[in-house]
Amino acid sequence: MPKGADFRNKLIRTDELKGYRTRPNYFSWGRRGPLIIEEMKRAHADIICIQGCDQFEFFYEKLSPRGFVGIYERSTPPSHTKNVYFGDGLAIFWRTDKFELSGRQRVALGDARFVADIALLARLKLRSPFVDAHDMTHMQRHIAYESFVKCKQYDSEQAFWAVLSTKYLYLFKDKQTYDVQRMVQCLDLDTFAVLHAEDETHFEALSGGLEFTLHAKDAGKGTLQFVCDEVHVNVRWTREITRAQIGTQLDVWNAHFIHGHCAKHEVRRVKQAYALYEAVAQCSARMRLERKNIGNGDPRYQHAVAYANGGDEKDNEQAEMDSET
């Protein structure tokens, strides 16, 4: 229950509950916090979204032992609007054994001068921690692409039969001989930097002719350079490796619309819904999101991306009048 909401424990009521009141300690965080945690435990959820959150540290402390991590963005009061409740913030938690964070994005649902309502995106990659790299049966069932390639770091003259399966790149001595004894190397693509390309048309430019390079995340392990016989084979390898590194991703959105019960607020909620749909479409079209930090958002990025809510100066003036009333 938000701290500043108008339905909080009031002594004077105008409905059928007039004359009744709830004990004040029922609204204390010391009572509500543990009850919320117990409700989360009963749900056995893999992803948890919280709105009106001003106790992110409390949730992080309680959920971390259960294998959760999360991100948080706090609402910033607009400069032109006073004495209006805008909510405290948004949080998204997920299980680390099932997901890892690929990127995050904060979106302002309107003009930041008048509206503090935001949406929070967490792009989560589905983890595959239990895939056995040496299980040849599993490997053959999930082959994405295979062909002959040369690796300069192993033998620049000899061509290896390369097989891409799930998140592993295998190098075999012979064509379609899926035997551990004939395997030269097995590379976990999660240990290499992602071969980024913004869209399908950029893969050929990214591949750079007949070669593609994998850069290890650990600087001490260097790079691996592969050479293909034809350009289209190299383009295909670049595309398939990028997809394997990205994996299966989920865009998890959490949003808070403007609070209020009058018709004007309902109209503005509709506009914010359109702004949210536009943000979802634009972010879904982006292959990567720059920010990947866990926990609270960096204040420097508070208004990095703002999507207009479809209004003009007249709408902004009306919003200012609404806030004053």
C-alpha atoms as a PDB file:
ATOM      1  CA  MET A   1       0.000   0.000   0.000  1.00  0.00           C
ATOM      2  CA  PRO A   2       1.610   3.313  -1.052  1.00  0.00           C
ATOM      3  CA  LYS A   3       2.413   5.674   1.766  1.00  0.00           C
ATOM      4  CA  GLY A   4       0.727   8.732   0.267  1.00  0.00           C
ATOM      5  CA  ALA A   5      -2.363   7.150  -1.259  1.00  0.00           C
ATOM      6  CA  ASP A   6      -5.677   8.811  -0.446  1.00  0.00           C
ATOM      7  CA  PHE A   7      -7.271   5.524   0.663  1.00  0.00           C
ATOM      8  CA  ARG A   8      -4.903   4.965   3.536  1.00  0.00           C
ATOM      9  CA  ASN A   9      -6.122   4.654   7.147  1.00  0.00           C
ATOM     10  CA  LYS A  10      -8.466   7.671   7.514  1.00  0.00           C
ATOM     11  CA  LEU A  11     -10.456   8.566  10.584  1.00  0.00           C
ATOM     12  CA  ILE A  12     -13.318  10.097   8.587  1.00  0.00           C
ATOM     13  CA  ARG A  13     -14.999   8.032   5.864  1.00  0.00           C
ATOM     14  CA  THR A  14     -18.003   8.714   3.656  1.00  0.00           C
ATOM     15  CA  ASP A  15     -18.889   5.123   2.723  1.00  0.00           C
ATOM     16  CA  GLU A  16     -20.615   2.315   4.608  1.00  0.00           C
ATOM     17  CA  LEU A  17     -17.521   1.851   6.782  1.00  0.00           C
ATOM     18  CA  LYS A  18     -17.890   5.287   8.368  1.00  0.00           C
ATOM     19  CA  GLY A  19     -17.112   5.105  12.047  1.00  0.00           C
ATOM     20  CA  TYR A  20     -14.778   2.114  11.629  1.00  0.00           C
ATOM     21  CA  ARG A  21     -11.040   2.210  11.381  1.00  0.00           C
ATOM     22  CA  THR A  22      -8.189  -0.255  11.054  1.00  0.00           C
ATOM     23  CA  ARG A  23      -5.575  -0.502  13.734  1.00  0.00           C
ATOM     24  CA  PRO A  24      -2.645   1.757  12.797  1.00  0.00           C
ATOM     25  CA  ASN A  25      -0.076  -0.989  13.366  1.00  0.00           C
ATOM     26  CA  TYR A  26      -1.680  -3.003  10.540  1.00  0.00           C
ATOM     27  CA  PHE A  27      -0.220  -0.465   8.108  1.00  0.00           C
ATOM     28  CA  SER A  28       3.254  -0.463   9.618  1.00  0.00           C
ATOM     29  CA  TRP A  29       6.023  -1.878   7.452  1.00  0.00           C
ATOM     30  CA  GLY A  30       7.088  -4.142  10.283  1.00  0.00           C
ATOM     31  CA  ARG A  31       3.809  -6.006   9.836  1.00  0.00           C
ATOM     32  CA  ARG A  32       3.217  -5.693   6.078  1.00  0.00           C
ATOM     33  CA  GLY A  33       6.775  -6.475   4.938  1.00  0.00           C
ATOM     34  CA  PRO A  34       6.959 -10.061   6.294  1.00  0.00           C
ATOM     35  CA  LEU A  35       3.435 -10.775   5.017  1.00  0.00           C
ATOM     36  CA  ILE A  36       4.431  -9.731   1.493  1.00  0.00           C
ATOM     37  CA  ILE A  37       7.500 -11.976   1.661  1.00  0.00           C
ATOM     38  CA  GLU A  38       5.367 -14.924   2.798  1.00  0.00           C
ATOM     39  CA  GLU A  39       2.989 -14.315  -0.126  1.00  0.00           C
ATOM     40  CA  MET A  40       5.937 -14.366  -2.517  1.00  0.00           C
ATOM     41  CA  LYS A  41       7.166 -17.632  -1.049  1.00  0.00           C
ATOM     42  CA  ARG A  42       3.768 -19.272  -1.481  1.00  0.00           C
ATOM     43  CA  ALA A  43       3.625 -18.210  -5.146  1.00  0.00           C
ATOM     44  CA  HIS A  44       6.892 -20.041  -6.013  1.00  0.00           C
ATOM     45  CA  ALA A  45       7.454 -17.470  -8.768  1.00  0.00           C
ATOM     46  CA  ASP A  46      10.534 -17.274 -10.987  1.00  0.00           C
ATOM     47  CA  ILE A  47      10.027 -13.552 -11.735  1.00  0.00           C
ATOM     48  CA  ILE A  48       8.576 -11.006  -9.303  1.00  0.00           C
ATOM     49  CA  CYS A  49       7.474  -7.463 -10.206  1.00  0.00           C
ATOM     50  CA  ILE A  50       6.810  -4.892  -7.476  1.00  0.00           C
ATOM     51  CA  GLN A  51       5.084  -1.520  -7.909  1.00  0.00           C
ATOM     52  CA  GLY A  52       5.082   1.370  -5.444  1.00  0.00           C
ATOM     53  CA  CYS A  53       8.313  -0.008  -3.999  1.00  0.00           C
ATOM     54  CA  ASP A  54      10.253   2.116  -1.492  1.00  0.00           C
ATOM     55  CA  GLN A  55      11.834  -0.820   0.374  1.00  0.00           C
ATOM     56  CA  PHE A  56      14.103  -2.296  -2.296  1.00  0.00           C
ATOM     57  CA  GLU A  57      16.880  -3.067   0.190  1.00  0.00           C
ATOM     58  CA  PHE A  58      14.416  -4.989   2.380  1.00  0.00           C
ATOM     59  CA  PHE A  59      13.223  -7.148  -0.527  1.00  0.00           C
ATOM     60  CA  TYR A  60      16.782  -7.690  -1.747  1.00  0.00           C
ATOM     61  CA  GLU A  61      17.861  -8.835   1.693  1.00  0.00           C
ATOM     62  CA  LYS A  62      14.946 -11.245   2.071  1.00  0.00           C
ATOM     63  CA  LEU A  63      14.933 -12.622  -1.479  1.00  0.00           C
ATOM     64  CA  SER A  64      18.694 -12.991  -2.023  1.00  0.00           C
ATOM     65  CA  PRO A  65      18.972 -16.126   0.179  1.00  0.00           C
ATOM     66  CA  ARG A  66      16.282 -17.700  -2.007  1.00  0.00           C
ATOM     67  CA  GLY A  67      18.362 -17.185  -5.151  1.00  0.00           C
ATOM     68  CA  PHE A  68      16.903 -13.889  -6.400  1.00  0.00           C
ATOM     69  CA  VAL A  69      18.547 -10.715  -7.652  1.00  0.00           C
ATOM     70  CA  GLY A  70      16.804  -7.624  -8.971  1.00  0.00           C
ATOM     71  CA  ILE A  71      16.843  -4.144 -10.421  1.00  0.00           C
ATOM     72  CA  TYR A  72      15.149  -1.010  -9.139  1.00  0.00           C
ATOM     73  CA  GLU A  73      14.198   2.420 -10.488  1.00  0.00           C
ATOM     74  CA  ARG A  74      12.849   5.191  -8.265  1.00  0.00           C
ATOM     75  CA  SER A  75      10.286   7.696  -9.524  1.00  0.00           C
ATOM     76  CA  THR A  76      11.561  11.268  -9.662  1.00  0.00           C
ATOM     77  CA  PRO A  77       9.032  14.019  -8.734  1.00  0.00           C
ATOM     78  CA  PRO A  78       8.422  16.291 -11.750  1.00  0.00           C
ATOM     79  CA  SER A  79       9.547  19.911 -11.498  1.00  0.00           C
ATOM     80  CA  HIS A  80       6.201  21.470 -12.556  1.00  0.00           C
ATOM     81  CA  THR A  81       3.826  19.367 -10.450  1.00  0.00           C
ATOM     82  CA  LYS A  82       3.394  19.611  -6.687  1.00  0.00           C
ATOM     83  CA  ASN A  83       1.443  17.776  -3.984  1.00  0.00           C
ATOM     84  CA  VAL A  84       0.587  14.780  -6.149  1.00  0.00           C
ATOM     85  CA  TYR A  85       1.389  11.160  -5.309  1.00  0.00           C
ATOM     86  CA  PHE A  86       3.393   9.476  -8.066  1.00  0.00           C
ATOM     87  CA  GLY A  87       4.417   6.180  -6.514  1.00  0.00           C
ATOM     88  CA  ASP A  88       7.770   5.252  -5.040  1.00  0.00           C
ATOM     89  CA  GLY A  89       9.439   3.068  -7.638  1.00  0.00           C
ATOM     90  CA  LEU A  90       9.507  -0.178  -9.599  1.00  0.00           C
ATOM     91  CA  ALA A  91      11.438  -3.376  -8.935  1.00  0.00           C
ATOM     92  CA  ILE A  92      11.901  -6.642 -10.832  1.00  0.00           C
ATOM     93  CA  PHE A  93      13.423  -9.759  -9.234  1.00  0.00           C
ATOM     94  CA  TRP A  94      14.311 -13.087 -10.878  1.00  0.00           C
ATOM     95  CA  ARG A  95      15.901 -16.428  -9.998  1.00  0.00           C
ATOM     96  CA  THR A  96      19.600 -16.508 -10.864  1.00  0.00           C
ATOM     97  CA  ASP A  97      19.559 -20.245 -11.570  1.00  0.00           C
ATOM     98  CA  LYS A  98      17.072 -19.711 -14.407  1.00  0.00           C
ATOM     99  CA  PHE A  99      17.804 -16.225 -15.780  1.00  0.00           C
ATOM    100  CA  GLU A 100      20.602 -13.727 -16.158  1.00  0.00           C
ATOM    101  CA  LEU A 101      20.313 -10.019 -16.953  1.00  0.00           C
ATOM    102  CA  SER A 102      21.091  -9.061 -20.554  1.00  0.00           C
ATOM    103  CA  GLY A 103      20.017  -5.421 -20.250  1.00  0.00           C
ATOM    104  CA  ARG A 104      17.698  -2.950 -18.565  1.00  0.00           C
ATOM    105  CA  GLN A 105      15.876   0.207 -19.587  1.00  0.00           C
ATOM    106  CA  ARG A 106      13.955   2.956 -17.801  1.00  0.00           C
ATOM    107  CA  VAL A 107      11.181   4.679 -19.765  1.00  0.00           C
ATOM    108  CA  ALA A 108       9.385   7.899 -18.786  1.00  0.00           C
ATOM    109  CA  LEU A 109       5.674   7.664 -19.632  1.00  0.00           C
ATOM    110  CA  GLY A 110       5.204  11.288 -20.623  1.00  0.00           C
ATOM    111  CA  ASP A 111       6.778  14.687 -20.218  1.00  0.00           C
ATOM    112  CA  ALA A 112       9.165  14.492 -17.254  1.00  0.00           C
ATOM    113  CA  ARG A 113       8.237  18.069 -16.260  1.00  0.00           C
ATOM    114  CA  PHE A 114       4.681  17.053 -15.414  1.00  0.00           C
ATOM    115  CA  VAL A 115       4.628  13.258 -15.047  1.00  0.00           C
ATOM    116  CA  ALA A 116       6.843  11.015 -12.922  1.00  0.00           C
ATOM    117  CA  ASP A 117       5.273   7.713 -13.972  1.00  0.00           C
ATOM    118  CA  ILE A 118       7.776   5.287 -15.404  1.00  0.00           C
ATOM    119  CA  ALA A 119       8.147   1.809 -16.850  1.00  0.00           C
ATOM    120  CA  LEU A 120      11.026  -0.564 -16.195  1.00  0.00           C
ATOM    121  CA  LEU A 121      12.303  -3.219 -18.599  1.00  0.00           C
ATOM    122  CA  ALA A 122      14.473  -6.168 -17.614  1.00  0.00           C
ATOM    123  CA  ARG A 123      15.721  -8.264 -20.511  1.00  0.00           C
ATOM    124  CA  LEU A 124      16.431 -11.721 -19.120  1.00  0.00           C
ATOM    125  CA  LYS A 125      18.317 -14.517 -20.812  1.00  0.00           C
ATOM    126  CA  LEU A 126      17.214 -18.060 -20.099  1.00  0.00           C
ATOM    127  CA  ARG A 127      20.113 -19.965 -18.605  1.00  0.00           C
ATOM    128  CA  SER A 128      21.134 -23.500 -19.603  1.00  0.00           C
ATOM    129  CA  PRO A 129      23.437 -24.479 -16.749  1.00  0.00           C
ATOM    130  CA  PHE A 130      22.677 -28.188 -16.886  1.00  0.00           C
ATOM    131  CA  VAL A 131      23.632 -28.829 -20.525  1.00  0.00           C
ATOM    132  CA  ASP A 132      26.476 -31.351 -20.665  1.00  0.00           C
ATOM    133  CA  ALA A 133      28.921 -30.216 -23.329  1.00  0.00           C
ATOM    134  CA  HIS A 134      30.150 -33.790 -23.870  1.00  0.00           C
ATOM    135  CA  ASP A 135      26.687 -35.279 -24.346  1.00  0.00           C
ATOM    136  CA  MET A 136      26.885 -36.045 -28.068  1.00  0.00           C
ATOM    137  CA  THR A 137      23.271 -37.206 -28.245  1.00  0.00           C
ATOM    138  CA  HIS A 138      22.019 -33.869 -26.931  1.00  0.00           C
ATOM    139  CA  MET A 139      24.450 -32.048 -29.210  1.00  0.00           C
ATOM    140  CA  GLN A 140      23.163 -33.772 -32.361  1.00  0.00           C
ATOM    141  CA  ARG A 141      19.542 -32.969 -31.497  1.00  0.00           C
ATOM    142  CA  HIS A 142      20.271 -29.224 -31.264  1.00  0.00           C
ATOM    143  CA  ILE A 143      22.635 -28.537 -34.155  1.00  0.00           C
ATOM    144  CA  ALA A 144      22.134 -24.997 -35.483  1.00  0.00           C
ATOM    145  CA  TYR A 145      24.832 -25.004 -38.157  1.00  0.00           C
ATOM    146  CA  GLU A 146      27.918 -26.975 -39.223  1.00  0.00           C
ATOM    147  CA  SER A 147      30.609 -26.681 -41.873  1.00  0.00           C
ATOM    148  CA  PHE A 148      34.360 -26.805 -42.439  1.00  0.00           C
ATOM    149  CA  VAL A 149      36.357 -23.900 -40.960  1.00  0.00           C
ATOM    150  CA  LYS A 150      39.999 -23.172 -40.204  1.00  0.00           C
ATOM    151  CA  CYS A 151      41.228 -21.850 -36.879  1.00  0.00           C
ATOM    152  CA  LYS A 152      44.470 -19.896 -36.911  1.00  0.00           C
ATOM    153  CA  GLN A 153      45.197 -20.576 -33.257  1.00  0.00           C
ATOM    154  CA  TYR A 154      45.062 -24.386 -33.663  1.00  0.00           C
ATOM    155  CA  ASP A 155      46.221 -25.108 -37.203  1.00  0.00           C
ATOM    156  CA  SER A 156      45.982 -22.484 -39.921  1.00  0.00           C
ATOM    157  CA  GLU A 157      46.232 -25.099 -42.700  1.00  0.00           C
ATOM    158  CA  GLN A 158      43.938 -27.844 -41.443  1.00  0.00           C
ATOM    159  CA  ALA A 159      40.168 -27.519 -41.802  1.00  0.00           C
ATOM    160  CA  PHE A 160      38.057 -28.671 -38.856  1.00  0.00           C
ATOM    161  CA  TRP A 161      34.426 -29.721 -38.923  1.00  0.00           C
ATOM    162  CA  ALA A 162      32.749 -27.045 -36.786  1.00  0.00           C
ATOM    163  CA  VAL A 163      29.374 -27.731 -35.164  1.00  0.00           C
ATOM    164  CA  LEU A 164      27.241 -25.160 -33.344  1.00  0.00           C
ATOM    165  CA  SER A 165      24.827 -26.652 -30.806  1.00  0.00           C
ATOM    166  CA  THR A 166      22.964 -24.717 -28.085  1.00  0.00           C
ATOM    167  CA  LYS A 167      25.707 -22.526 -26.567  1.00  0.00           C
ATOM    168  CA  TYR A 168      28.730 -24.654 -27.579  1.00  0.00           C
ATOM    169  CA  LEU A 169      30.976 -24.563 -30.633  1.00  0.00           C
ATOM    170  CA  TYR A 170      32.610 -27.941 -31.349  1.00  0.00           C
ATOM    171  CA  LEU A 171      35.644 -28.608 -33.532  1.00  0.00           C
ATOM    172  CA  PHE A 172      36.017 -32.169 -34.866  1.00  0.00           C
ATOM    173  CA  LYS A 173      38.795 -33.683 -36.933  1.00  0.00           C
ATOM    174  CA  ASP A 174      36.447 -35.350 -39.439  1.00  0.00           C
ATOM    175  CA  LYS A 175      33.179 -34.383 -41.095  1.00  0.00           C
ATOM    176  CA  GLN A 176      30.039 -35.377 -39.165  1.00  0.00           C
ATOM    177  CA  THR A 177      31.997 -37.648 -36.849  1.00  0.00           C
ATOM    178  CA  TYR A 178      30.370 -36.755 -33.540  1.00  0.00           C
ATOM    179  CA  ASP A 179      32.754 -38.578 -31.260  1.00  0.00           C
ATOM    180  CA  VAL A 180      34.373 -37.164 -28.142  1.00  0.00           C
ATOM    181  CA  GLN A 181      37.575 -39.001 -29.069  1.00  0.00           C
ATOM    182  CA  ARG A 182      37.697 -37.154 -32.407  1.00  0.00           C
ATOM    183  CA  MET A 183      36.865 -33.771 -30.873  1.00  0.00           C
ATOM    184  CA  VAL A 184      39.619 -31.146 -30.978  1.00  0.00           C
ATOM    185  CA  GLN A 185      37.954 -28.482 -28.843  1.00  0.00           C
ATOM    186  CA  CYS A 186      34.642 -27.510 -27.259  1.00  0.00           C
ATOM    187  CA  LEU A 187      34.092 -23.769 -26.777  1.00  0.00           C
ATOM    188  CA  ASP A 188      31.506 -22.328 -24.404  1.00  0.00           C
ATOM    189  CA  LEU A 189      30.189 -19.252 -26.240  1.00  0.00           C
ATOM    190  CA  ASP A 190      29.098 -17.645 -22.956  1.00  0.00           C
ATOM    191  CA  THR A 191      32.788 -17.074 -22.232  1.00  0.00           C
ATOM    192  CA  PHE A 192      33.167 -14.922 -25.369  1.00  0.00           C
ATOM    193  CA  ALA A 193      31.909 -11.423 -26.116  1.00  0.00           C
ATOM    194  CA  VAL A 194      28.722 -11.302 -28.176  1.00  0.00           C
ATOM    195  CA  LEU A 195      29.094 -10.654 -31.896  1.00  0.00           C
ATOM    196  CA  HIS A 196      26.714  -7.700 -31.998  1.00  0.00           C
ATOM    197  CA  ALA A 197      24.736  -6.692 -35.073  1.00  0.00           C
ATOM    198  CA  GLU A 198      21.758  -4.347 -34.946  1.00  0.00           C
ATOM    199  CA  ASP A 199      19.771  -6.167 -37.643  1.00  0.00           C
ATOM    200  CA  GLU A 200      20.062  -8.900 -40.269  1.00  0.00           C
ATOM    201  CA  THR A 201      21.497  -6.562 -42.938  1.00  0.00           C
ATOM    202  CA  HIS A 202      24.598  -5.886 -40.838  1.00  0.00           C
ATOM    203  CA  PHE A 203      25.775  -9.480 -40.453  1.00  0.00           C
ATOM    204  CA  GLU A 204      27.706  -9.465 -43.718  1.00  0.00           C
ATOM    205  CA  ALA A 205      29.519  -6.258 -42.780  1.00  0.00           C
ATOM    206  CA  LEU A 206      30.172  -7.619 -39.288  1.00  0.00           C
ATOM    207  CA  SER A 207      31.650 -10.868 -40.573  1.00  0.00           C
ATOM    208  CA  GLY A 208      34.307  -8.985 -42.521  1.00  0.00           C
ATOM    209  CA  GLY A 209      34.805 -11.197 -45.561  1.00  0.00           C
ATOM    210  CA  LEU A 210      36.030 -14.749 -44.907  1.00  0.00           C
ATOM    211  CA  GLU A 211      36.971 -14.413 -41.226  1.00  0.00           C
ATOM    212  CA  PHE A 212      35.163 -14.028 -37.926  1.00  0.00           C
ATOM    213  CA  THR A 213      36.778 -13.550 -34.526  1.00  0.00           C
ATOM    214  CA  LEU A 214      35.680 -14.568 -31.043  1.00  0.00           C
ATOM    215  CA  HIS A 215      37.011 -12.337 -28.271  1.00  0.00           C
ATOM    216  CA  ALA A 216      37.242 -13.963 -24.851  1.00  0.00           C
ATOM    217  CA  LYS A 217      35.675 -12.035 -21.967  1.00  0.00           C
ATOM    218  CA  ASP A 218      38.776 -12.873 -19.955  1.00  0.00           C
ATOM    219  CA  ALA A 219      41.475 -10.688 -21.492  1.00  0.00           C
ATOM    220  CA  GLY A 220      44.141 -13.213 -20.570  1.00  0.00           C
ATOM    221  CA  LYS A 221      42.656 -15.871 -22.876  1.00  0.00           C
ATOM    222  CA  GLY A 222      42.983 -13.797 -26.051  1.00  0.00           C
ATOM    223  CA  THR A 223      40.974 -14.344 -29.246  1.00  0.00           C
ATOM    224  CA  LEU A 224      40.173 -17.094 -31.740  1.00  0.00           C
ATOM    225  CA  GLN A 225      40.159 -16.371 -35.474  1.00  0.00           C
ATOM    226  CA  PHE A 226      38.212 -18.590 -37.851  1.00  0.00           C
ATOM    227  CA  VAL A 227      38.461 -18.649 -41.650  1.00  0.00           C
ATOM    228  CA  CYS A 228      35.728 -19.877 -43.993  1.00  0.00           C
ATOM    229  CA  ASP A 229      35.938 -20.828 -47.660  1.00  0.00           C
ATOM    230  CA  GLU A 230      33.099 -18.570 -48.827  1.00  0.00           C
ATOM    231  CA  VAL A 231      31.594 -15.277 -47.708  1.00  0.00           C
ATOM    232  CA  HIS A 232      28.036 -16.597 -47.340  1.00  0.00           C
ATOM    233  CA  VAL A 233      29.325 -19.356 -45.016  1.00  0.00           C
ATOM    234  CA  ASN A 234      31.046 -16.749 -42.884  1.00  0.00           C
ATOM    235  CA  VAL A 235      27.880 -14.634 -42.777  1.00  0.00           C
ATOM    236  CA  ARG A 236      25.879 -17.680 -41.690  1.00  0.00           C
ATOM    237  CA  TRP A 237      28.375 -18.497 -38.936  1.00  0.00           C
ATOM    238  CA  THR A 238      28.295 -14.911 -37.662  1.00  0.00           C
ATOM    239  CA  ARG A 239      24.513 -14.902 -37.596  1.00  0.00           C
ATOM    240  CA  GLU A 240      24.133 -18.283 -35.880  1.00  0.00           C
ATOM    241  CA  ILE A 241      26.838 -17.626 -33.268  1.00  0.00           C
ATOM    242  CA  THR A 242      25.232 -14.283 -32.404  1.00  0.00           C
ATOM    243  CA  ARG A 243      21.857 -15.965 -31.950  1.00  0.00           C
ATOM    244  CA  ALA A 244      23.396 -18.702 -29.807  1.00  0.00           C
ATOM    245  CA  GLN A 245      25.125 -16.141 -27.600  1.00  0.00           C
ATOM    246  CA  ILE A 246      21.960 -14.102 -27.187  1.00  0.00           C
ATOM    247  CA  GLY A 247      19.939 -17.231 -26.513  1.00  0.00           C
ATOM    248  CA  THR A 248      16.298 -17.184 -25.482  1.00  0.00           C
ATOM    249  CA  GLN A 249      15.438 -13.806 -24.000  1.00  0.00           C
ATOM    250  CA  LEU A 250      12.395 -12.468 -22.188  1.00  0.00           C
ATOM    251  CA  ASP A 251      11.452  -8.806 -22.018  1.00  0.00           C
ATOM    252  CA  VAL A 252       9.863  -8.308 -18.583  1.00  0.00           C
ATOM    253  CA  TRP A 253       8.044  -4.977 -18.204  1.00  0.00           C
ATOM    254  CA  ASN A 254       6.842  -3.346 -15.000  1.00  0.00           C
ATOM    255  CA  ALA A 255       4.953  -0.037 -15.153  1.00  0.00           C
ATOM    256  CA  HIS A 256       3.172   2.440 -12.914  1.00  0.00           C
ATOM    257  CA  PHE A 257       0.483   4.710 -14.390  1.00  0.00           C
ATOM    258  CA  ILE A 258      -0.776   7.987 -12.975  1.00  0.00           C
ATOM    259  CA  HIS A 259      -2.853   7.611  -9.806  1.00  0.00           C
ATOM    260  CA  GLY A 260      -6.369   9.015  -9.564  1.00  0.00           C
ATOM    261  CA  HIS A 261     -10.040   8.150  -9.990  1.00  0.00           C
ATOM    262  CA  CYS A 262     -11.438  11.032 -12.068  1.00  0.00           C
ATOM    263  CA  ALA A 263     -12.060  11.052 -15.820  1.00  0.00           C
ATOM    264  CA  LYS A 264      -9.030  13.266 -16.492  1.00  0.00           C
ATOM    265  CA  HIS A 265      -6.728  10.774 -14.846  1.00  0.00           C
ATOM    266  CA  GLU A 266      -8.302   7.953 -16.827  1.00  0.00           C
ATOM    267  CA  VAL A 267      -7.607   9.811 -20.077  1.00  0.00           C
ATOM    268  CA  ARG A 268      -3.997  10.313 -19.102  1.00  0.00           C
ATOM    269  CA  ARG A 269      -3.684   6.622 -18.192  1.00  0.00           C
ATOM    270  CA  VAL A 270      -4.861   5.741 -21.703  1.00  0.00           C
ATOM    271  CA  LYS A 271      -2.175   8.025 -23.162  1.00  0.00           C
ATOM    272  CA  GLN A 272       0.435   6.436 -20.916  1.00  0.00           C
ATOM    273  CA  ALA A 273      -0.681   3.000 -22.110  1.00  0.00           C
ATOM    274  CA  TYR A 274      -0.050   4.105 -25.706  1.00  0.00           C
ATOM    275  CA  ALA A 275       3.371   5.415 -24.654  1.00  0.00           C
ATOM    276  CA  LEU A 276       4.121   2.055 -23.021  1.00  0.00           C
ATOM    277  CA  TYR A 277       3.090   0.145 -26.170  1.00  0.00           C
ATOM    278  CA  GLU A 278       5.401   2.356 -28.232  1.00  0.00           C
ATOM    279  CA  ALA A 279       8.269   1.762 -25.795  1.00  0.00           C
ATOM    280  CA  VAL A 280       7.693  -2.001 -25.911  1.00  0.00           C
ATOM    281  CA  ALA A 281       7.799  -1.960 -29.709  1.00  0.00           C
ATOM    282  CA  GLN A 282      10.961   0.147 -29.873  1.00  0.00           C
ATOM    283  CA  CYS A 283      12.862  -1.800 -27.221  1.00  0.00           C
ATOM    284  CA  SER A 284      11.850  -5.149 -28.722  1.00  0.00           C
ATOM    285  CA  ALA A 285      13.407  -4.079 -32.018  1.00  0.00           C
ATOM    286  CA  ARG A 286      16.746  -3.385 -30.327  1.00  0.00           C
ATOM    287  CA  MET A 287      19.100  -6.354 -30.164  1.00  0.00           C
ATOM    288  CA  ARG A 288      20.939  -5.098 -27.083  1.00  0.00           C
ATOM    289  CA  LEU A 289      20.471  -2.725 -24.168  1.00  0.00           C
ATOM    290  CA  GLU A 290      23.521  -0.889 -22.881  1.00  0.00           C
ATOM    291  CA  ARG A 291      22.826  -0.938 -19.146  1.00  0.00           C
ATOM    292  CA  LYS A 292      23.351  -4.238 -17.323  1.00  0.00           C
ATOM    293  CA  ASN A 293      23.877  -3.228 -13.695  1.00  0.00           C
ATOM    294  CA  ILE A 294      22.098  -5.059 -10.903  1.00  0.00           C
ATOM    295  CA  GLY A 295      20.334  -3.100  -8.158  1.00  0.00           C
ATOM    296  CA  ASN A 296      19.419   0.564  -8.129  1.00  0.00           C
ATOM    297  CA  GLY A 297      19.523   2.518 -11.372  1.00  0.00           C
ATOM    298  CA  ASP A 298      22.289   5.021 -12.029  1.00  0.00           C
ATOM    299  CA  PRO A 299      20.881   8.568 -11.526  1.00  0.00           C
ATOM    300  CA  ARG A 300      22.797   9.731 -14.601  1.00  0.00           C
ATOM    301  CA  TYR A 301      20.412   7.656 -16.723  1.00  0.00           C
ATOM    302  CA  GLN A 302      17.219   8.795 -15.005  1.00  0.00           C
ATOM    303  CA  HIS A 303      15.885  10.487 -18.145  1.00  0.00           C
ATOM    304  CA  ALA A 304      18.067   8.875 -20.780  1.00  0.00           C
ATOM    305  CA  VAL A 305      15.065   7.618 -22.743  1.00  0.00           C
ATOM    306  CA  ALA A 306      11.680   9.355 -22.630  1.00  0.00           C
ATOM    307  CA  TYR A 307       8.746   8.570 -24.866  1.00  0.00           C
ATOM    308  CA  ALA A 308       6.113  11.254 -25.397  1.00  0.00           C
ATOM    309  CA  ASN A 309       2.598  10.327 -24.341  1.00  0.00           C
ATOM    310  CA  GLY A 310       1.036  11.628 -27.548  1.00  0.00           C
ATOM    311  CA  GLY A 311       0.306  15.090 -26.162  1.00  0.00           C
ATOM    312  CA  ASP A 312       1.368  18.568 -27.200  1.00  0.00           C
ATOM    313  CA  GLU A 313       1.854  21.850 -25.373  1.00  0.00           C
ATOM    314  CA  LYS A 314      -1.876  22.115 -24.803  1.00  0.00           C
ATOM    315  CA  ASP A 315      -1.880  18.739 -23.030  1.00  0.00           C
ATOM    316  CA  ASN A 316       1.070  19.831 -20.891  1.00  0.00           C
ATOM    317  CA  GLU A 317      -0.761  23.008 -19.869  1.00  0.00           C
ATOM    318  CA  GLN A 318      -3.834  20.939 -19.017  1.00  0.00           C
ATOM    319  CA  ALA A 319      -1.683  18.560 -16.942  1.00  0.00           C
ATOM    320  CA  GLU A 320      -0.286  21.503 -15.021  1.00  0.00           C
ATOM    321  CA  MET A 321      -3.819  22.801 -14.365  1.00  0.00           C
ATOM    322  CA  ASP A 322      -4.905  19.334 -13.199  1.00  0.00           C
ATOM    323  CA  SER A 323      -1.994  19.157 -10.756  1.00  0.00           C
ATOM    324  CA  GLU A 324      -2.853  22.541  -9.310  1.00  0.00           C
ATOM    325  CA  THR A 325      -6.443  21.535  -8.719  1.00  0.00           C
END
